[in-house]
Amino acid sequence: AVQAQSNAQARGGQSYSILLILTDGKITDVNKAANAIRTVCDSPLSIVIIGIGDADFRGMNYLDDMQADRDIVQFVPFNQYRHDKHALSAATLSEIPDQLVGYFLKHGIHPNPPEQQSMDDIAIDDHDENEEFFTFY
């Protein structure tokens, strides 16, 4: 994440990374994970952890709630939202805007000016009828 931001800034751009972790088990070493998160909490990074299944996710909740220089972790229990994909999306993405803006403000990074586009610049692909869509039940 740090290297991507550095490379983007060298080109006059910006970069922010989101790490998505899907897990079906409890964390084996909460202290090691917490230390790793504290090490990277000043990076242009958000970490979203989705717990799938009925495992003991107390460690994931701890990582989400722990005190660090910057909150970069969001834990989402999939089973709580499994029947509502919109609520799952909202819960998964809910903290990222504040995390991103907080990082950029802390580091004095200002938004790039908006790029002007015309309708001719926008391309919409045709729907592929063979494309698979997944529904969670």
N, C-alpha and C. Protein backbone atom coordinates (compact mmCIF):
# COMPACT_ATOMS: atom_id res chain seq x y z
N ALA A 1 0.83 -1.19 0.00
CA ALA A 1 0.00 0.00 0.00
C ALA A 1 0.87 1.26 0.00
N VAL A 2 1.92 1.23 0.82
CA VAL A 2 2.80 2.39 0.89
C VAL A 2 3.52 2.59 -0.43
N GLN A 3 4.01 1.50 -1.02
CA GLN A 3 4.71 1.58 -2.30
C GLN A 3 3.78 2.05 -3.41
N ALA A 4 2.55 1.55 -3.42
CA ALA A 4 1.58 1.96 -4.45
C ALA A 4 1.28 3.45 -4.33
N GLN A 5 1.13 3.96 -3.09
CA GLN A 5 0.88 5.39 -2.90
C GLN A 5 2.08 6.20 -3.35
N SER A 6 3.27 5.73 -3.02
CA SER A 6 4.50 6.43 -3.42
C SER A 6 4.62 6.50 -4.94
N ASN A 7 4.37 5.37 -5.60
CA ASN A 7 4.42 5.33 -7.06
C ASN A 7 3.37 6.25 -7.68
N ALA A 8 2.16 6.24 -7.12
CA ALA A 8 1.09 7.08 -7.65
C ALA A 8 1.43 8.56 -7.48
N GLN A 9 1.96 8.93 -6.32
CA GLN A 9 2.31 10.33 -6.10
C GLN A 9 3.42 10.78 -7.04
N ALA A 10 4.35 9.89 -7.35
CA ALA A 10 5.43 10.24 -8.29
C ALA A 10 4.87 10.56 -9.67
N ARG A 11 3.72 9.95 -10.01
CA ARG A 11 3.06 10.20 -11.30
C ARG A 11 1.99 11.27 -11.20
N GLY A 12 1.87 11.91 -10.02
CA GLY A 12 0.85 12.94 -9.83
C GLY A 12 -0.50 12.36 -9.47
N GLY A 13 -0.54 11.12 -9.08
CA GLY A 13 -1.81 10.47 -8.74
C GLY A 13 -1.92 10.17 -7.27
N GLN A 14 -2.89 9.36 -6.94
CA GLN A 14 -3.14 8.95 -5.56
C GLN A 14 -3.47 7.47 -5.55
N SER A 15 -3.21 6.84 -4.42
CA SER A 15 -3.52 5.42 -4.29
C SER A 15 -3.91 5.11 -2.86
N TYR A 16 -4.87 4.23 -2.70
CA TYR A 16 -5.30 3.76 -1.39
C TYR A 16 -5.70 2.30 -1.58
N SER A 17 -5.27 1.43 -0.69
CA SER A 17 -5.52 -0.01 -0.85
C SER A 17 -6.53 -0.51 0.17
N ILE A 18 -7.29 -1.51 -0.25
CA ILE A 18 -8.25 -2.18 0.63
C ILE A 18 -7.94 -3.67 0.59
N LEU A 19 -7.63 -4.22 1.76
CA LEU A 19 -7.36 -5.65 1.89
C LEU A 19 -8.63 -6.32 2.38
N LEU A 20 -9.14 -7.26 1.60
CA LEU A 20 -10.35 -8.01 1.97
C LEU A 20 -9.92 -9.40 2.39
N ILE A 21 -10.27 -9.77 3.61
CA ILE A 21 -9.95 -11.09 4.14
C ILE A 21 -11.25 -11.83 4.40
N LEU A 22 -11.40 -12.98 3.77
CA LEU A 22 -12.55 -13.86 4.01
C LEU A 22 -12.05 -15.00 4.88
N THR A 23 -12.69 -15.23 6.01
CA THR A 23 -12.22 -16.28 6.91
C THR A 23 -13.39 -17.10 7.43
N ASP A 24 -13.12 -18.38 7.65
CA ASP A 24 -14.15 -19.26 8.22
C ASP A 24 -13.68 -19.84 9.55
N GLY A 25 -12.66 -19.24 10.12
CA GLY A 25 -12.15 -19.75 11.38
C GLY A 25 -11.68 -18.65 12.29
N LYS A 26 -11.43 -19.03 13.53
CA LYS A 26 -10.97 -18.04 14.48
C LYS A 26 -9.49 -17.75 14.25
N ILE A 27 -9.06 -16.61 14.70
CA ILE A 27 -7.68 -16.20 14.55
C ILE A 27 -6.82 -16.97 15.57
N THR A 28 -5.66 -17.42 15.14
CA THR A 28 -4.83 -18.25 16.01
C THR A 28 -3.91 -17.42 16.92
N ASP A 29 -3.51 -16.24 16.50
CA ASP A 29 -2.63 -15.41 17.32
C ASP A 29 -3.08 -13.95 17.22
N VAL A 30 -4.01 -13.58 18.10
CA VAL A 30 -4.59 -12.24 18.08
C VAL A 30 -3.52 -11.18 18.33
N ASN A 31 -2.60 -11.44 19.25
CA ASN A 31 -1.58 -10.45 19.57
C ASN A 31 -0.67 -10.18 18.38
N LYS A 32 -0.29 -11.22 17.67
CA LYS A 32 0.56 -11.04 16.49
C LYS A 32 -0.17 -10.25 15.41
N ALA A 33 -1.46 -10.55 15.20
CA ALA A 33 -2.26 -9.82 14.22
C ALA A 33 -2.43 -8.37 14.64
N ALA A 34 -2.68 -8.13 15.93
CA ALA A 34 -2.85 -6.76 16.43
C ALA A 34 -1.56 -5.96 16.24
N ASN A 35 -0.42 -6.57 16.52
CA ASN A 35 0.86 -5.88 16.33
C ASN A 35 1.11 -5.57 14.86
N ALA A 36 0.75 -6.50 13.98
CA ALA A 36 0.92 -6.27 12.54
C ALA A 36 0.04 -5.10 12.08
N ILE A 37 -1.18 -5.03 12.59
CA ILE A 37 -2.09 -3.94 12.23
C ILE A 37 -1.56 -2.61 12.76
N ARG A 38 -1.07 -2.61 14.00
CA ARG A 38 -0.49 -1.37 14.54
C ARG A 38 0.70 -0.91 13.70
N THR A 39 1.46 -1.86 13.16
CA THR A 39 2.62 -1.52 12.33
C THR A 39 2.21 -0.83 11.04
N VAL A 40 1.08 -1.23 10.47
CA VAL A 40 0.66 -0.68 9.17
C VAL A 40 -0.46 0.35 9.28
N CYS A 41 -0.86 0.72 10.50
CA CYS A 41 -2.03 1.60 10.64
C CYS A 41 -1.80 2.99 10.08
N ASP A 42 -0.57 3.37 9.81
CA ASP A 42 -0.32 4.68 9.20
C ASP A 42 -0.11 4.56 7.69
N SER A 43 -0.47 3.42 7.13
CA SER A 43 -0.35 3.19 5.69
C SER A 43 -1.67 3.54 5.00
N PRO A 44 -1.62 3.77 3.69
CA PRO A 44 -2.85 4.04 2.94
C PRO A 44 -3.62 2.74 2.72
N LEU A 45 -4.23 2.24 3.80
CA LEU A 45 -4.78 0.89 3.79
C LEU A 45 -6.00 0.79 4.70
N SER A 46 -7.01 0.08 4.23
CA SER A 46 -8.13 -0.37 5.04
C SER A 46 -8.15 -1.89 4.97
N ILE A 47 -8.51 -2.52 6.08
CA ILE A 47 -8.61 -3.98 6.13
C ILE A 47 -10.06 -4.33 6.47
N VAL A 48 -10.69 -5.10 5.59
CA VAL A 48 -12.05 -5.57 5.82
C VAL A 48 -11.97 -7.08 6.00
N ILE A 49 -12.47 -7.55 7.15
CA ILE A 49 -12.47 -8.98 7.44
C ILE A 49 -13.92 -9.44 7.46
N ILE A 50 -14.24 -10.43 6.64
CA ILE A 50 -15.58 -11.00 6.63
C ILE A 50 -15.50 -12.41 7.21
N GLY A 51 -16.19 -12.61 8.31
CA GLY A 51 -16.22 -13.91 8.96
C GLY A 51 -17.39 -14.72 8.43
N ILE A 52 -17.07 -15.85 7.83
CA ILE A 52 -18.09 -16.69 7.21
C ILE A 52 -18.29 -17.94 8.06
N GLY A 53 -19.52 -18.22 8.42
CA GLY A 53 -19.80 -19.42 9.19
C GLY A 53 -20.05 -19.11 10.65
N ASP A 54 -19.91 -20.16 11.48
CA ASP A 54 -20.27 -20.06 12.89
C ASP A 54 -19.06 -20.16 13.81
N ALA A 55 -17.89 -19.82 13.34
CA ALA A 55 -16.68 -19.90 14.16
C ALA A 55 -16.72 -18.85 15.27
N ASP A 56 -15.77 -18.95 16.17
CA ASP A 56 -15.60 -17.98 17.24
C ASP A 56 -14.84 -16.79 16.68
N PHE A 57 -15.53 -15.69 16.45
CA PHE A 57 -14.93 -14.52 15.83
C PHE A 57 -14.61 -13.42 16.84
N ARG A 58 -14.49 -13.76 18.13
CA ARG A 58 -14.17 -12.74 19.14
C ARG A 58 -12.84 -12.06 18.83
N GLY A 59 -11.87 -12.81 18.30
CA GLY A 59 -10.58 -12.21 17.94
C GLY A 59 -10.72 -11.18 16.85
N MET A 60 -11.59 -11.45 15.88
CA MET A 60 -11.81 -10.49 14.79
C MET A 60 -12.49 -9.23 15.33
N ASN A 61 -13.43 -9.41 16.23
CA ASN A 61 -14.07 -8.25 16.86
C ASN A 61 -13.05 -7.42 17.64
N TYR A 62 -12.13 -8.11 18.32
CA TYR A 62 -11.07 -7.40 19.04
C TYR A 62 -10.24 -6.55 18.07
N LEU A 63 -9.86 -7.13 16.94
CA LEU A 63 -9.06 -6.39 15.96
C LEU A 63 -9.83 -5.18 15.43
N ASP A 64 -11.13 -5.33 15.25
CA ASP A 64 -11.96 -4.24 14.77
C ASP A 64 -12.06 -3.12 15.82
N ASP A 65 -12.14 -3.50 17.09
CA ASP A 65 -12.37 -2.53 18.16
C ASP A 65 -11.09 -2.01 18.82
N MET A 66 -9.94 -2.60 18.52
CA MET A 66 -8.71 -2.24 19.24
C MET A 66 -8.30 -0.79 18.96
N GLN A 67 -7.59 -0.24 19.92
CA GLN A 67 -7.10 1.14 19.80
C GLN A 67 -5.78 1.12 19.06
N ALA A 68 -5.68 1.94 18.04
CA ALA A 68 -4.44 2.12 17.28
C ALA A 68 -4.39 3.59 16.86
N ASP A 69 -3.30 4.00 16.25
CA ASP A 69 -3.18 5.39 15.82
C ASP A 69 -4.29 5.77 14.84
N ARG A 70 -4.74 4.79 14.07
CA ARG A 70 -5.79 5.03 13.08
C ARG A 70 -6.59 3.75 12.94
N ASP A 71 -7.91 3.87 12.93
CA ASP A 71 -8.79 2.70 12.77
C ASP A 71 -8.77 2.27 11.31
N ILE A 72 -8.23 1.09 11.03
CA ILE A 72 -8.18 0.62 9.64
C ILE A 72 -8.89 -0.71 9.45
N VAL A 73 -9.45 -1.29 10.51
CA VAL A 73 -10.06 -2.62 10.43
C VAL A 73 -11.57 -2.54 10.57
N GLN A 74 -12.26 -3.28 9.72
CA GLN A 74 -13.71 -3.44 9.79
C GLN A 74 -14.00 -4.93 9.75
N PHE A 75 -14.63 -5.47 10.81
CA PHE A 75 -15.04 -6.87 10.82
C PHE A 75 -16.53 -6.96 10.55
N VAL A 76 -16.90 -7.85 9.64
CA VAL A 76 -18.31 -8.04 9.28
C VAL A 76 -18.64 -9.54 9.40
N PRO A 77 -19.58 -9.90 10.28
CA PRO A 77 -20.02 -11.29 10.36
C PRO A 77 -21.01 -11.59 9.23
N PHE A 78 -20.58 -12.40 8.27
CA PHE A 78 -21.38 -12.68 7.08
C PHE A 78 -22.78 -13.20 7.43
N ASN A 79 -22.86 -14.11 8.40
CA ASN A 79 -24.16 -14.73 8.72
C ASN A 79 -25.21 -13.70 9.12
N GLN A 80 -24.78 -12.60 9.71
CA GLN A 80 -25.71 -11.56 10.13
C GLN A 80 -26.37 -10.89 8.92
N TYR A 81 -25.72 -10.94 7.76
CA TYR A 81 -26.21 -10.24 6.56
C TYR A 81 -26.47 -11.18 5.39
N ARG A 82 -26.39 -12.45 5.60
CA ARG A 82 -26.43 -13.42 4.50
C ARG A 82 -27.68 -13.33 3.63
N HIS A 83 -28.77 -12.85 4.17
CA HIS A 83 -30.02 -12.78 3.39
C HIS A 83 -30.30 -11.39 2.84
N ASP A 84 -29.35 -10.48 3.02
CA ASP A 84 -29.56 -9.11 2.55
C ASP A 84 -28.25 -8.59 1.97
N LYS A 85 -28.08 -8.78 0.66
CA LYS A 85 -26.81 -8.40 0.02
C LYS A 85 -26.55 -6.91 0.09
N HIS A 86 -27.59 -6.09 0.14
CA HIS A 86 -27.40 -4.65 0.23
C HIS A 86 -26.87 -4.27 1.62
N ALA A 87 -27.41 -4.89 2.66
CA ALA A 87 -26.93 -4.63 4.02
C ALA A 87 -25.50 -5.16 4.18
N LEU A 88 -25.20 -6.29 3.55
CA LEU A 88 -23.83 -6.84 3.59
C LEU A 88 -22.86 -5.87 2.93
N SER A 89 -23.24 -5.35 1.78
CA SER A 89 -22.38 -4.37 1.09
C SER A 89 -22.19 -3.12 1.94
N ALA A 90 -23.27 -2.62 2.52
CA ALA A 90 -23.19 -1.42 3.35
C ALA A 90 -22.30 -1.64 4.56
N ALA A 91 -22.46 -2.78 5.23
CA ALA A 91 -21.63 -3.06 6.41
C ALA A 91 -20.17 -3.23 6.02
N THR A 92 -19.93 -3.87 4.89
CA THR A 92 -18.56 -4.12 4.44
C THR A 92 -17.84 -2.82 4.09
N LEU A 93 -18.54 -1.89 3.50
CA LEU A 93 -17.91 -0.66 3.02
C LEU A 93 -18.08 0.54 3.96
N SER A 94 -18.81 0.38 5.05
CA SER A 94 -19.23 1.52 5.86
C SER A 94 -18.09 2.39 6.41
N GLU A 95 -16.98 1.81 6.79
CA GLU A 95 -15.91 2.60 7.42
C GLU A 95 -14.86 3.10 6.43
N ILE A 96 -14.85 2.58 5.23
CA ILE A 96 -13.78 2.90 4.28
C ILE A 96 -13.72 4.39 3.92
N PRO A 97 -14.83 5.07 3.65
CA PRO A 97 -14.71 6.50 3.31
C PRO A 97 -14.01 7.32 4.40
N ASP A 98 -14.40 7.12 5.66
CA ASP A 98 -13.76 7.86 6.74
C ASP A 98 -12.30 7.47 6.91
N GLN A 99 -11.98 6.19 6.71
CA GLN A 99 -10.59 5.75 6.82
C GLN A 99 -9.74 6.39 5.73
N LEU A 100 -10.25 6.41 4.51
CA LEU A 100 -9.52 7.00 3.39
C LEU A 100 -9.32 8.50 3.60
N VAL A 101 -10.40 9.21 3.91
CA VAL A 101 -10.31 10.66 4.10
C VAL A 101 -9.40 10.97 5.28
N GLY A 102 -9.50 10.20 6.36
CA GLY A 102 -8.64 10.41 7.52
C GLY A 102 -7.17 10.26 7.17
N TYR A 103 -6.85 9.24 6.38
CA TYR A 103 -5.46 9.04 5.97
C TYR A 103 -4.97 10.22 5.13
N PHE A 104 -5.75 10.61 4.14
CA PHE A 104 -5.33 11.70 3.25
C PHE A 104 -5.19 13.01 4.03
N LEU A 105 -6.11 13.32 4.93
CA LEU A 105 -6.02 14.55 5.72
C LEU A 105 -4.78 14.53 6.62
N LYS A 106 -4.55 13.40 7.28
CA LYS A 106 -3.41 13.27 8.19
C LYS A 106 -2.09 13.51 7.46
N HIS A 107 -2.02 13.13 6.20
CA HIS A 107 -0.78 13.24 5.43
C HIS A 107 -0.77 14.44 4.48
N GLY A 108 -1.77 15.31 4.62
CA GLY A 108 -1.80 16.53 3.81
C GLY A 108 -1.97 16.27 2.32
N ILE A 109 -2.63 15.19 1.99
CA ILE A 109 -2.87 14.86 0.58
C ILE A 109 -4.22 15.43 0.18
N HIS A 110 -4.21 16.31 -0.77
CA HIS A 110 -5.44 16.95 -1.23
C HIS A 110 -6.00 16.21 -2.44
N PRO A 111 -7.31 16.29 -2.63
CA PRO A 111 -7.90 15.61 -3.79
C PRO A 111 -7.34 16.15 -5.10
N ASN A 112 -7.18 15.26 -6.04
CA ASN A 112 -6.81 15.71 -7.38
C ASN A 112 -7.99 16.47 -7.97
N PRO A 113 -7.73 17.39 -8.88
CA PRO A 113 -8.86 18.09 -9.51
C PRO A 113 -9.71 17.10 -10.30
N PRO A 114 -11.00 17.36 -10.39
CA PRO A 114 -11.86 16.44 -11.15
C PRO A 114 -11.45 16.38 -12.62
N GLU A 115 -11.56 15.19 -13.17
CA GLU A 115 -11.29 15.02 -14.60
C GLU A 115 -12.58 15.21 -15.37
N GLN A 116 -12.51 15.95 -16.44
CA GLN A 116 -13.69 16.19 -17.26
C GLN A 116 -13.87 15.03 -18.23
N GLN A 117 -15.08 14.52 -18.31
CA GLN A 117 -15.40 13.46 -19.25
C GLN A 117 -16.66 13.83 -20.01
N SER A 118 -16.72 13.37 -21.22
CA SER A 118 -17.94 13.55 -21.98
C SER A 118 -18.65 12.20 -22.05
N MET A 119 -19.86 12.19 -22.46
CA MET A 119 -20.61 10.94 -22.58
C MET A 119 -19.94 10.00 -23.57
N ASP A 120 -19.18 10.54 -24.53
CA ASP A 120 -18.48 9.71 -25.51
C ASP A 120 -17.35 8.92 -24.87
N ASP A 121 -16.85 9.37 -23.71
CA ASP A 121 -15.76 8.69 -23.02
C ASP A 121 -16.24 7.48 -22.23
N ILE A 122 -17.54 7.35 -22.05
CA ILE A 122 -18.09 6.29 -21.21
C ILE A 122 -18.53 5.13 -22.09
N ALA A 123 -17.98 3.96 -21.80
CA ALA A 123 -18.34 2.76 -22.57
C ALA A 123 -19.06 1.79 -21.66
N ILE A 124 -20.16 1.26 -22.12
CA ILE A 124 -20.92 0.27 -21.36
C ILE A 124 -20.86 -1.03 -22.13
N ASP A 125 -20.34 -2.05 -21.46
CA ASP A 125 -20.24 -3.36 -22.10
C ASP A 125 -21.61 -4.01 -22.20
N ASP A 126 -21.79 -4.78 -23.26
CA ASP A 126 -23.01 -5.56 -23.38
C ASP A 126 -23.02 -6.66 -22.34
N HIS A 127 -24.20 -7.02 -21.87
CA HIS A 127 -24.35 -8.08 -20.89
C HIS A 127 -24.08 -9.43 -21.55
N ASP A 128 -23.24 -10.21 -20.93
CA ASP A 128 -22.93 -11.55 -21.42
C ASP A 128 -23.90 -12.53 -20.74
N GLU A 129 -24.78 -13.14 -21.53
CA GLU A 129 -25.79 -14.03 -20.97
C GLU A 129 -25.18 -15.27 -20.34
N ASN A 130 -23.93 -15.58 -20.66
CA ASN A 130 -23.26 -16.74 -20.07
C ASN A 130 -22.56 -16.39 -18.76
N GLU A 131 -22.57 -15.13 -18.40
CA GLU A 131 -21.92 -14.69 -17.17
C GLU A 131 -22.69 -15.23 -15.97
N GLU A 132 -21.93 -15.69 -14.97
CA GLU A 132 -22.56 -16.24 -13.78
C GLU A 132 -22.75 -15.16 -12.73
N PHE A 133 -23.90 -15.19 -12.08
CA PHE A 133 -24.17 -14.29 -10.97
C PHE A 133 -24.35 -15.16 -9.75
N PHE A 134 -23.86 -14.69 -8.61
CA PHE A 134 -23.94 -15.47 -7.39
C PHE A 134 -24.94 -14.81 -6.44
N THR A 135 -25.76 -15.62 -5.84
CA THR A 135 -26.73 -15.17 -4.85
C THR A 135 -26.46 -15.92 -3.56
N PHE A 136 -26.43 -15.21 -2.45
CA PHE A 136 -26.19 -15.84 -1.15
C PHE A 136 -27.53 -16.06 -0.45
N TYR A 137 -27.70 -17.23 0.09
CA TYR A 137 -28.93 -17.56 0.82
C TYR A 137 -28.63 -17.90 2.24
